[in-house]
């Protein structure tokens, strides 16, 4: 009996030590990756995203303590990256800005959350978050700016993207959000000064509500595949060149939304695609409103 108790005690101690070291880890501009073997604790944090991730167990939480250049990160298992509303990071390490996506997610079937964080690409890094494979990505209470390709480039055919309370700006030659052959839901997202605010590409279905696109080349776009689809509800599209664009046989459904002061046309259709209204949208002061192809009755 004593031997059994001793063995159980050792197992419990080993489990407790591992959980303490790996469930909550910390990264700081004053940290050191030499602290990784001791678990990147709050007292002894690590210095880079990659060093901290290596010390974090699957589905653990990485806490960003302050502003810093934390380098690139490849996420390969479930994790929460939490800036605590004070953390911000630029796409580099020390004084160097990397020509690489700041965060890459390649974690099949995993759930990844990135929240309460400000990410800047310094107009050099291509993507804030680039996703090749994931079960689900949740991005909430985050700010993105200064990337050259996209703030979020989501290309996980088996995964789903969810964004809540996100601001994206200053990507004049790129995109706010790219969704390729996947599904996405955007709520309370604000996108300004991009070439394309949201692109639903291929076989993607993207639902957007309570969001604003202002001052972009194109606002909401469905293209590059006849099954690409947008569902836009209670949104404002203003001061863009085009507010809504459909091409290649794609479809966009609009309800309770305002399209105003768009410089070329509020809605563009290549003639092979569909613009569908629920009959409750508002148009004002556009160079041209464009035309819906059909109207649905609300139920």
C-alpha atoms as a PDB file:
ATOM      1  CA  UNK A   1       0.000   0.000   0.000  1.00  0.00           C
ATOM      2  CA  UNK A   2       2.838   2.384   0.852  1.00  0.00           C
ATOM      3  CA  UNK A   3       4.441   1.734  -2.532  1.00  0.00           C
ATOM      4  CA  UNK A   4       1.121   2.454  -4.292  1.00  0.00           C
ATOM      5  CA  UNK A   5       0.690   5.723  -2.381  1.00  0.00           C
ATOM      6  CA  UNK A   6       4.238   6.754  -3.168  1.00  0.00           C
ATOM      7  CA  UNK A   7       3.737   6.035  -6.859  1.00  0.00           C
ATOM      8  CA  UNK A   8       0.493   8.023  -6.947  1.00  0.00           C
ATOM      9  CA  UNK A   9       2.187  10.924  -5.193  1.00  0.00           C
ATOM     10  CA  UNK A  10       4.978  10.970  -7.773  1.00  0.00           C
ATOM     11  CA  UNK A  11       2.484  10.916 -10.638  1.00  0.00           C
ATOM     12  CA  UNK A  12       0.505  13.799  -9.126  1.00  0.00           C
ATOM     13  CA  UNK A  13       3.614  15.845  -8.475  1.00  0.00           C
ATOM     14  CA  UNK A  14       4.822  15.292 -12.029  1.00  0.00           C
ATOM     15  CA  UNK A  15       1.458  16.322 -13.490  1.00  0.00           C
ATOM     16  CA  UNK A  16       1.234  19.444 -11.309  1.00  0.00           C
ATOM     17  CA  UNK A  17       4.710  20.562 -12.252  1.00  0.00           C
ATOM     18  CA  UNK A  18       4.005  20.129 -15.979  1.00  0.00           C
ATOM     19  CA  UNK A  19       0.684  21.980 -15.792  1.00  0.00           C
ATOM     20  CA  UNK A  20       2.179  24.842 -13.820  1.00  0.00           C
ATOM     21  CA  UNK A  21       5.006  25.225 -16.321  1.00  0.00           C
ATOM     22  CA  UNK A  22       3.011  24.989 -19.502  1.00  0.00           C
ATOM     23  CA  UNK A  23      -0.614  26.107 -19.259  1.00  0.00           C
ATOM     24  CA  UNK A  24       0.133  29.812 -18.675  1.00  0.00           C
ATOM     25  CA  UNK A  25       3.285  31.190 -20.282  1.00  0.00           C
ATOM     26  CA  UNK A  26       4.518  34.757 -20.761  1.00  0.00           C
ATOM     27  CA  UNK A  27       6.459  36.770 -23.344  1.00  0.00           C
ATOM     28  CA  UNK A  28       8.009  40.167 -22.666  1.00  0.00           C
ATOM     29  CA  UNK A  29      10.271  42.688 -24.376  1.00  0.00           C
ATOM     30  CA  UNK A  30      12.616  42.297 -21.381  1.00  0.00           C
ATOM     31  CA  UNK A  31      12.388  38.489 -21.294  1.00  0.00           C
ATOM     32  CA  UNK A  32      14.826  35.810 -22.398  1.00  0.00           C
ATOM     33  CA  UNK A  33      14.276  32.571 -24.263  1.00  0.00           C
ATOM     34  CA  UNK A  34      16.771  31.032 -21.865  1.00  0.00           C
ATOM     35  CA  UNK A  35      13.784  30.922 -19.503  1.00  0.00           C
ATOM     36  CA  UNK A  36      11.953  28.415 -21.711  1.00  0.00           C
ATOM     37  CA  UNK A  37      13.109  25.342 -19.731  1.00  0.00           C
ATOM     38  CA  UNK A  38      11.534  26.815 -16.596  1.00  0.00           C
ATOM     39  CA  UNK A  39       8.249  27.493 -18.375  1.00  0.00           C
ATOM     40  CA  UNK A  40       8.361  31.189 -19.423  1.00  0.00           C
ATOM     41  CA  UNK A  41       6.683  32.233 -16.184  1.00  0.00           C
ATOM     42  CA  UNK A  42       5.380  35.681 -15.295  1.00  0.00           C
ATOM     43  CA  UNK A  43       8.490  36.305 -13.203  1.00  0.00           C
ATOM     44  CA  UNK A  44      10.864  34.832 -15.804  1.00  0.00           C
ATOM     45  CA  UNK A  45       9.196  35.410 -19.202  1.00  0.00           C
ATOM     46  CA  UNK A  46      10.551  34.499 -22.610  1.00  0.00           C
ATOM     47  CA  UNK A  47      11.544  36.991 -25.326  1.00  0.00           C
ATOM     48  CA  UNK A  48       9.967  35.618 -28.512  1.00  0.00           C
ATOM     49  CA  UNK A  49       6.675  34.114 -29.596  1.00  0.00           C
ATOM     50  CA  UNK A  50       8.435  30.975 -30.830  1.00  0.00           C
ATOM     51  CA  UNK A  51      10.368  30.460 -27.599  1.00  0.00           C
ATOM     52  CA  UNK A  52       7.219  30.906 -25.527  1.00  0.00           C
ATOM     53  CA  UNK A  53       5.123  28.638 -27.743  1.00  0.00           C
ATOM     54  CA  UNK A  54       7.698  25.880 -27.330  1.00  0.00           C
ATOM     55  CA  UNK A  55       7.143  26.038 -23.565  1.00  0.00           C
ATOM     56  CA  UNK A  56       3.337  26.028 -23.837  1.00  0.00           C
ATOM     57  CA  UNK A  57       1.300  22.834 -23.728  1.00  0.00           C
ATOM     58  CA  UNK A  58      -1.499  22.191 -26.216  1.00  0.00           C
ATOM     59  CA  UNK A  59      -4.497  24.474 -25.523  1.00  0.00           C
ATOM     60  CA  UNK A  60      -2.466  26.577 -23.111  1.00  0.00           C
ATOM     61  CA  UNK A  61      -2.353  30.380 -22.945  1.00  0.00           C
ATOM     62  CA  UNK A  62       0.478  32.716 -23.975  1.00  0.00           C
ATOM     63  CA  UNK A  63       0.252  36.116 -22.259  1.00  0.00           C
ATOM     64  CA  UNK A  64       1.892  39.129 -23.949  1.00  0.00           C
ATOM     65  CA  UNK A  65       3.105  41.455 -21.216  1.00  0.00           C
ATOM     66  CA  UNK A  66       4.059  44.583 -23.186  1.00  0.00           C
ATOM     67  CA  UNK A  67       4.966  46.043 -26.569  1.00  0.00           C
ATOM     68  CA  UNK A  68       7.826  44.329 -28.346  1.00  0.00           C
ATOM     69  CA  UNK A  69       9.342  42.790 -31.480  1.00  0.00           C
ATOM     70  CA  UNK A  70       8.572  39.150 -30.764  1.00  0.00           C
ATOM     71  CA  UNK A  71       9.521  37.585 -34.086  1.00  0.00           C
ATOM     72  CA  UNK A  72       7.487  35.172 -36.141  1.00  0.00           C
ATOM     73  CA  UNK A  73       5.426  32.314 -34.748  1.00  0.00           C
ATOM     74  CA  UNK A  74       4.261  29.047 -36.275  1.00  0.00           C
ATOM     75  CA  UNK A  75       1.349  27.575 -34.325  1.00  0.00           C
ATOM     76  CA  UNK A  76       1.121  23.782 -34.573  1.00  0.00           C
ATOM     77  CA  UNK A  77      -1.320  22.986 -31.763  1.00  0.00           C
ATOM     78  CA  UNK A  78      -4.246  24.623 -30.012  1.00  0.00           C
ATOM     79  CA  UNK A  79      -3.335  27.762 -28.073  1.00  0.00           C
ATOM     80  CA  UNK A  80      -4.635  31.152 -26.937  1.00  0.00           C
ATOM     81  CA  UNK A  81      -2.409  34.156 -27.596  1.00  0.00           C
ATOM     82  CA  UNK A  82      -3.638  36.928 -25.287  1.00  0.00           C
ATOM     83  CA  UNK A  83      -2.341  40.489 -25.334  1.00  0.00           C
ATOM     84  CA  UNK A  84      -4.390  41.479 -22.288  1.00  0.00           C
ATOM     85  CA  UNK A  85      -5.365  44.736 -24.097  1.00  0.00           C
ATOM     86  CA  UNK A  86      -1.880  46.102 -23.501  1.00  0.00           C
ATOM     87  CA  UNK A  87       0.335  43.871 -25.629  1.00  0.00           C
ATOM     88  CA  UNK A  88       1.429  44.803 -29.112  1.00  0.00           C
ATOM     89  CA  UNK A  89       3.941  43.296 -31.477  1.00  0.00           C
ATOM     90  CA  UNK A  90       5.689  44.242 -34.684  1.00  0.00           C
ATOM     91  CA  UNK A  91       6.716  41.693 -37.287  1.00  0.00           C
ATOM     92  CA  UNK A  92      10.334  41.372 -36.300  1.00  0.00           C
ATOM     93  CA  UNK A  93      12.872  40.665 -33.617  1.00  0.00           C
ATOM     94  CA  UNK A  94      15.003  43.340 -32.016  1.00  0.00           C
ATOM     95  CA  UNK A  95      15.480  46.015 -34.681  1.00  0.00           C
ATOM     96  CA  UNK A  96      14.892  43.630 -37.611  1.00  0.00           C
ATOM     97  CA  UNK A  97      11.572  43.368 -39.489  1.00  0.00           C
ATOM     98  CA  UNK A  98      11.074  39.941 -41.075  1.00  0.00           C
ATOM     99  CA  UNK A  99       9.842  39.422 -44.647  1.00  0.00           C
ATOM    100  CA  UNK A 100       7.525  36.690 -43.396  1.00  0.00           C
ATOM    101  CA  UNK A 101       4.026  36.330 -42.005  1.00  0.00           C
ATOM    102  CA  UNK A 102       4.014  37.291 -38.361  1.00  0.00           C
ATOM    103  CA  UNK A 103       1.862  34.360 -37.261  1.00  0.00           C
ATOM    104  CA  UNK A 104       1.420  31.153 -39.278  1.00  0.00           C
ATOM    105  CA  UNK A 105      -1.208  28.625 -38.188  1.00  0.00           C
ATOM    106  CA  UNK A 106      -0.735  25.016 -39.298  1.00  0.00           C
ATOM    107  CA  UNK A 107      -2.610  23.065 -36.644  1.00  0.00           C
ATOM    108  CA  UNK A 108      -5.065  20.562 -38.174  1.00  0.00           C
ATOM    109  CA  UNK A 109      -8.298  20.193 -36.165  1.00  0.00           C
ATOM    110  CA  UNK A 110      -7.010  22.499 -33.401  1.00  0.00           C
ATOM    111  CA  UNK A 111      -8.766  25.565 -31.975  1.00  0.00           C
ATOM    112  CA  UNK A 112      -6.616  28.707 -31.918  1.00  0.00           C
ATOM    113  CA  UNK A 113      -7.581  32.022 -30.295  1.00  0.00           C
ATOM    114  CA  UNK A 114      -5.759  35.324 -30.806  1.00  0.00           C
ATOM    115  CA  UNK A 115      -7.161  38.147 -28.704  1.00  0.00           C
ATOM    116  CA  UNK A 116      -6.554  41.559 -27.158  1.00  0.00           C
ATOM    117  CA  UNK A 117      -3.489  42.211 -29.296  1.00  0.00           C
ATOM    118  CA  UNK A 118      -2.170  44.861 -31.686  1.00  0.00           C
ATOM    119  CA  UNK A 119      -0.107  43.590 -34.638  1.00  0.00           C
ATOM    120  CA  UNK A 120       1.887  45.777 -37.027  1.00  0.00           C
ATOM    121  CA  UNK A 121       3.743  44.635 -40.134  1.00  0.00           C
ATOM    122  CA  UNK A 122       5.630  47.931 -40.489  1.00  0.00           C
ATOM    123  CA  UNK A 123       4.622  47.900 -44.195  1.00  0.00           C
ATOM    124  CA  UNK A 124       7.060  45.013 -44.792  1.00  0.00           C
ATOM    125  CA  UNK A 125       5.633  41.785 -43.352  1.00  0.00           C
ATOM    126  CA  UNK A 126       3.159  40.145 -45.795  1.00  0.00           C
ATOM    127  CA  UNK A 127       0.505  38.796 -43.406  1.00  0.00           C
ATOM    128  CA  UNK A 128      -0.478  39.351 -39.823  1.00  0.00           C
ATOM    129  CA  UNK A 129      -1.973  35.848 -39.564  1.00  0.00           C
ATOM    130  CA  UNK A 130      -1.611  33.269 -42.356  1.00  0.00           C
ATOM    131  CA  UNK A 131      -3.615  30.068 -41.919  1.00  0.00           C
ATOM    132  CA  UNK A 132      -2.974  26.885 -43.892  1.00  0.00           C
ATOM    133  CA  UNK A 133      -4.748  24.370 -41.659  1.00  0.00           C
ATOM    134  CA  UNK A 134      -6.833  24.711 -38.489  1.00  0.00           C
ATOM    135  CA  UNK A 135     -10.072  23.491 -36.964  1.00  0.00           C
ATOM    136  CA  UNK A 136     -11.130  26.965 -35.905  1.00  0.00           C
ATOM    137  CA  UNK A 137      -9.460  30.366 -35.574  1.00  0.00           C
ATOM    138  CA  UNK A 138     -10.996  32.977 -33.274  1.00  0.00           C
ATOM    139  CA  UNK A 139      -9.652  36.533 -33.599  1.00  0.00           C
ATOM    140  CA  UNK A 140     -11.174  39.030 -31.179  1.00  0.00           C
ATOM    141  CA  UNK A 141     -10.446  42.496 -29.826  1.00  0.00           C
ATOM    142  CA  UNK A 142      -7.416  42.901 -32.100  1.00  0.00           C
ATOM    143  CA  UNK A 143      -5.940  45.655 -34.281  1.00  0.00           C
ATOM    144  CA  UNK A 144      -3.911  45.071 -37.465  1.00  0.00           C
ATOM    145  CA  UNK A 145      -2.012  47.563 -39.615  1.00  0.00           C
ATOM    146  CA  UNK A 146       0.816  47.844 -42.103  1.00  0.00           C
ATOM    147  CA  UNK A 147       0.875  44.412 -43.779  1.00  0.00           C
ATOM    148  CA  UNK A 148       1.524  44.074 -47.505  1.00  0.00           C
ATOM    149  CA  UNK A 149      -0.698  41.092 -48.430  1.00  0.00           C
ATOM    150  CA  UNK A 150      -3.386  40.762 -45.756  1.00  0.00           C
ATOM    151  CA  UNK A 151      -4.093  41.210 -42.096  1.00  0.00           C
ATOM    152  CA  UNK A 152      -5.648  37.712 -42.072  1.00  0.00           C
ATOM    153  CA  UNK A 153      -5.031  35.254 -44.915  1.00  0.00           C
ATOM    154  CA  UNK A 154      -7.240  32.236 -44.197  1.00  0.00           C
ATOM    155  CA  UNK A 155      -6.756  29.237 -46.490  1.00  0.00           C
ATOM    156  CA  UNK A 156      -7.788  26.271 -44.353  1.00  0.00           C
ATOM    157  CA  UNK A 157     -10.399  24.399 -46.384  1.00  0.00           C
ATOM    158  CA  UNK A 158     -11.467  22.320 -43.375  1.00  0.00           C
ATOM    159  CA  UNK A 159     -11.516  25.186 -40.888  1.00  0.00           C
ATOM    160  CA  UNK A 160     -13.650  28.122 -39.826  1.00  0.00           C
ATOM    161  CA  UNK A 161     -12.653  31.712 -39.113  1.00  0.00           C
ATOM    162  CA  UNK A 162     -14.478  33.830 -36.560  1.00  0.00           C
ATOM    163  CA  UNK A 163     -13.657  37.511 -36.029  1.00  0.00           C
ATOM    164  CA  UNK A 164     -15.210  39.804 -33.434  1.00  0.00           C
ATOM    165  CA  UNK A 165     -14.364  43.443 -32.697  1.00  0.00           C
ATOM    166  CA  UNK A 166     -11.364  43.709 -35.021  1.00  0.00           C
ATOM    167  CA  UNK A 167      -9.868  46.828 -36.662  1.00  0.00           C
ATOM    168  CA  UNK A 168      -7.744  46.649 -39.812  1.00  0.00           C
ATOM    169  CA  UNK A 169      -6.104  49.588 -41.576  1.00  0.00           C
ATOM    170  CA  UNK A 170      -3.333  50.787 -43.867  1.00  0.00           C
ATOM    171  CA  UNK A 171      -2.840  47.914 -46.303  1.00  0.00           C
ATOM    172  CA  UNK A 172      -3.177  50.009 -49.475  1.00  0.00           C
ATOM    173  CA  UNK A 173      -1.958  47.345 -51.919  1.00  0.00           C
ATOM    174  CA  UNK A 174      -3.389  44.322 -50.135  1.00  0.00           C
ATOM    175  CA  UNK A 175      -6.403  42.909 -48.357  1.00  0.00           C
ATOM    176  CA  UNK A 176      -7.950  43.159 -44.956  1.00  0.00           C
ATOM    177  CA  UNK A 177      -9.245  39.579 -44.860  1.00  0.00           C
ATOM    178  CA  UNK A 178      -8.789  36.831 -47.467  1.00  0.00           C
ATOM    179  CA  UNK A 179     -10.865  33.654 -47.166  1.00  0.00           C
ATOM    180  CA  UNK A 180     -10.051  30.901 -49.685  1.00  0.00           C
ATOM    181  CA  UNK A 181     -12.272  27.811 -49.980  1.00  0.00           C
ATOM    182  CA  UNK A 182     -13.356  28.138 -46.355  1.00  0.00           C
ATOM    183  CA  UNK A 183     -16.054  29.584 -44.100  1.00  0.00           C
ATOM    184  CA  UNK A 184     -15.903  32.742 -42.036  1.00  0.00           C
ATOM    185  CA  UNK A 185     -18.092  34.849 -39.756  1.00  0.00           C
ATOM    186  CA  UNK A 186     -17.178  38.503 -39.131  1.00  0.00           C
ATOM    187  CA  UNK A 187     -18.936  40.596 -36.486  1.00  0.00           C
ATOM    188  CA  UNK A 188     -18.107  44.206 -35.571  1.00  0.00           C
ATOM    189  CA  UNK A 189     -15.126  44.426 -37.915  1.00  0.00           C
ATOM    190  CA  UNK A 190     -13.831  47.796 -39.145  1.00  0.00           C
ATOM    191  CA  UNK A 191     -11.597  47.958 -42.224  1.00  0.00           C
ATOM    192  CA  UNK A 192     -10.049  51.137 -43.652  1.00  0.00           C
ATOM    193  CA  UNK A 193      -7.531  51.967 -46.377  1.00  0.00           C
ATOM    194  CA  UNK A 194      -7.000  48.595 -48.069  1.00  0.00           C
ATOM    195  CA  UNK A 195      -7.179  47.525 -51.708  1.00  0.00           C
ATOM    196  CA  UNK A 196      -9.885  44.980 -50.823  1.00  0.00           C
ATOM    197  CA  UNK A 197     -11.450  44.889 -47.375  1.00  0.00           C
ATOM    198  CA  UNK A 198     -12.875  41.324 -47.446  1.00  0.00           C
ATOM    199  CA  UNK A 199     -12.401  38.763 -50.223  1.00  0.00           C
ATOM    200  CA  UNK A 200     -14.438  35.549 -50.339  1.00  0.00           C
ATOM    201  CA  UNK A 201     -12.591  33.441 -52.906  1.00  0.00           C
ATOM    202  CA  UNK A 202     -13.180  30.071 -54.552  1.00  0.00           C
ATOM    203  CA  UNK A 203     -15.859  28.124 -52.682  1.00  0.00           C
ATOM    204  CA  UNK A 204     -15.868  30.367 -49.607  1.00  0.00           C
ATOM    205  CA  UNK A 205     -18.940  31.469 -47.682  1.00  0.00           C
ATOM    206  CA  UNK A 206     -18.372  34.617 -45.622  1.00  0.00           C
ATOM    207  CA  UNK A 207     -21.019  36.142 -43.336  1.00  0.00           C
ATOM    208  CA  UNK A 208     -20.527  39.735 -42.188  1.00  0.00           C
ATOM    209  CA  UNK A 209     -22.661  41.732 -39.761  1.00  0.00           C
ATOM    210  CA  UNK A 210     -22.453  45.037 -37.879  1.00  0.00           C
ATOM    211  CA  UNK A 211     -19.261  45.958 -39.721  1.00  0.00           C
ATOM    212  CA  UNK A 212     -17.863  48.986 -41.570  1.00  0.00           C
ATOM    213  CA  UNK A 213     -15.673  49.265 -44.661  1.00  0.00           C
ATOM    214  CA  UNK A 214     -14.542  52.831 -45.292  1.00  0.00           C
ATOM    215  CA  UNK A 215     -12.033  54.248 -47.760  1.00  0.00           C
ATOM    216  CA  UNK A 216     -11.016  51.033 -49.522  1.00  0.00           C
ATOM    217  CA  UNK A 217     -10.586  50.164 -53.172  1.00  0.00           C
ATOM    218  CA  UNK A 218     -13.259  47.469 -52.847  1.00  0.00           C
ATOM    219  CA  UNK A 219     -15.332  46.714 -49.785  1.00  0.00           C
ATOM    220  CA  UNK A 220     -16.837  43.210 -49.827  1.00  0.00           C
ATOM    221  CA  UNK A 221     -15.872  40.969 -52.773  1.00  0.00           C
ATOM    222  CA  UNK A 222     -16.959  37.456 -53.800  1.00  0.00           C
ATOM    223  CA  UNK A 223     -14.996  36.130 -56.767  1.00  0.00           C
ATOM    224  CA  UNK A 224     -12.732  33.473 -58.303  1.00  0.00           C
ATOM    225  CA  UNK A 225     -15.359  30.754 -58.127  1.00  0.00           C
ATOM    226  CA  UNK A 226     -19.081  30.318 -58.897  1.00  0.00           C
ATOM    227  CA  UNK A 227     -19.819  29.126 -55.352  1.00  0.00           C
ATOM    228  CA  UNK A 228     -18.184  32.059 -53.556  1.00  0.00           C
ATOM    229  CA  UNK A 229     -20.819  33.702 -51.389  1.00  0.00           C
ATOM    230  CA  UNK A 230     -21.217  36.771 -49.178  1.00  0.00           C
ATOM    231  CA  UNK A 231     -23.937  37.405 -46.599  1.00  0.00           C
ATOM    232  CA  UNK A 232     -23.869  41.068 -45.536  1.00  0.00           C
ATOM    233  CA  UNK A 233     -26.210  42.232 -42.761  1.00  0.00           C
ATOM    234  CA  UNK A 234     -26.434  45.579 -40.952  1.00  0.00           C
ATOM    235  CA  UNK A 235     -23.198  46.922 -42.418  1.00  0.00           C
ATOM    236  CA  UNK A 236     -21.945  50.330 -43.579  1.00  0.00           C
ATOM    237  CA  UNK A 237     -20.013  50.616 -46.864  1.00  0.00           C
ATOM    238  CA  UNK A 238     -18.861  54.158 -47.515  1.00  0.00           C
ATOM    239  CA  UNK A 239     -16.138  56.127 -49.332  1.00  0.00           C
ATOM    240  CA  UNK A 240     -14.907  53.085 -51.255  1.00  0.00           C
ATOM    241  CA  UNK A 241     -14.454  52.872 -55.010  1.00  0.00           C
ATOM    242  CA  UNK A 242     -16.749  49.833 -55.070  1.00  0.00           C
ATOM    243  CA  UNK A 243     -18.733  48.773 -52.011  1.00  0.00           C
ATOM    244  CA  UNK A 244     -19.756  45.257 -53.124  1.00  0.00           C
ATOM    245  CA  UNK A 245     -18.257  43.291 -56.014  1.00  0.00           C
ATOM    246  CA  UNK A 246     -19.371  39.920 -57.389  1.00  0.00           C
ATOM    247  CA  UNK A 247     -17.601  38.102 -60.221  1.00  0.00           C
ATOM    248  CA  UNK A 248     -17.082  34.635 -61.705  1.00  0.00           C
ATOM    249  CA  UNK A 249     -20.647  33.570 -60.910  1.00  0.00           C
ATOM    250  CA  UNK A 250     -20.444  34.421 -57.204  1.00  0.00           C
ATOM    251  CA  UNK A 251     -23.362  35.675 -55.080  1.00  0.00           C
ATOM    252  CA  UNK A 252     -23.838  38.400 -52.474  1.00  0.00           C
ATOM    253  CA  UNK A 253     -26.896  38.743 -50.220  1.00  0.00           C
ATOM    254  CA  UNK A 254     -27.478  42.195 -48.650  1.00  0.00           C
ATOM    255  CA  UNK A 255     -29.850  43.159 -45.843  1.00  0.00           C
ATOM    256  CA  UNK A 256     -30.310  46.219 -43.600  1.00  0.00           C
ATOM    257  CA  UNK A 257     -27.110  47.789 -44.933  1.00  0.00           C
ATOM    258  CA  UNK A 258     -26.105  51.308 -46.006  1.00  0.00           C
ATOM    259  CA  UNK A 259     -24.080  51.998 -49.157  1.00  0.00           C
ATOM    260  CA  UNK A 260     -23.124  55.669 -49.463  1.00  0.00           C
ATOM    261  CA  UNK A 261     -20.567  57.977 -51.041  1.00  0.00           C
ATOM    262  CA  UNK A 262     -18.865  55.232 -53.042  1.00  0.00           C
ATOM    263  CA  UNK A 263     -16.880  56.778 -55.878  1.00  0.00           C
ATOM    264  CA  UNK A 264     -17.333  54.438 -58.876  1.00  0.00           C
ATOM    265  CA  UNK A 265     -20.340  52.268 -58.113  1.00  0.00           C
ATOM    266  CA  UNK A 266     -21.866  50.924 -54.949  1.00  0.00           C
ATOM    267  CA  UNK A 267     -22.433  47.459 -56.451  1.00  0.00           C
ATOM    268  CA  UNK A 268     -20.489  45.897 -59.324  1.00  0.00           C
ATOM    269  CA  UNK A 269     -21.576  42.737 -61.124  1.00  0.00           C
ATOM    270  CA  UNK A 270     -19.545  41.221 -63.971  1.00  0.00           C
ATOM    271  CA  UNK A 271     -22.800  40.075 -65.588  1.00  0.00           C
ATOM    272  CA  UNK A 272     -22.372  36.419 -64.619  1.00  0.00           C
ATOM    273  CA  UNK A 273     -22.986  36.822 -60.903  1.00  0.00           C
ATOM    274  CA  UNK A 274     -25.814  37.612 -58.481  1.00  0.00           C
ATOM    275  CA  UNK A 275     -26.576  40.567 -56.199  1.00  0.00           C
ATOM    276  CA  UNK A 276     -29.546  39.708 -54.008  1.00  0.00           C
ATOM    277  CA  UNK A 277     -31.443  42.112 -51.742  1.00  0.00           C
ATOM    278  CA  UNK A 278     -33.861  41.531 -48.887  1.00  0.00           C
ATOM    279  CA  UNK A 279     -35.460  44.868 -49.787  1.00  0.00           C
ATOM    280  CA  UNK A 280     -34.322  46.847 -46.769  1.00  0.00           C
ATOM    281  CA  UNK A 281     -31.001  48.440 -47.818  1.00  0.00           C
ATOM    282  CA  UNK A 282     -30.218  52.156 -48.091  1.00  0.00           C
ATOM    283  CA  UNK A 283     -28.343  53.950 -50.885  1.00  0.00           C
ATOM    284  CA  UNK A 284     -27.187  57.586 -50.910  1.00  0.00           C
ATOM    285  CA  UNK A 285     -24.723  59.794 -52.804  1.00  0.00           C
ATOM    286  CA  UNK A 286     -22.960  57.042 -54.747  1.00  0.00           C
ATOM    287  CA  UNK A 287     -21.564  57.818 -58.210  1.00  0.00           C
ATOM    288  CA  UNK A 288     -23.750  54.879 -59.259  1.00  0.00           C
ATOM    289  CA  UNK A 289     -25.812  52.534 -57.128  1.00  0.00           C
ATOM    290  CA  UNK A 290     -25.634  49.471 -59.371  1.00  0.00           C
ATOM    291  CA  UNK A 291     -28.508  47.017 -59.659  1.00  0.00           C
ATOM    292  CA  UNK A 292     -29.704  44.011 -57.713  1.00  0.00           C
ATOM    293  CA  UNK A 293     -30.385  40.933 -59.796  1.00  0.00           C
ATOM    294  CA  UNK A 294     -33.213  39.763 -57.503  1.00  0.00           C
ATOM    295  CA  UNK A 295     -35.048  40.505 -54.261  1.00  0.00           C
ATOM    296  CA  UNK A 296     -35.976  38.024 -51.555  1.00  0.00           C
ATOM    297  CA  UNK A 297     -38.839  38.265 -49.107  1.00  0.00           C
ATOM    298  CA  UNK A 298     -37.909  38.261 -45.436  1.00  0.00           C
ATOM    299  CA  UNK A 299     -39.356  35.435 -43.409  1.00  0.00           C
END
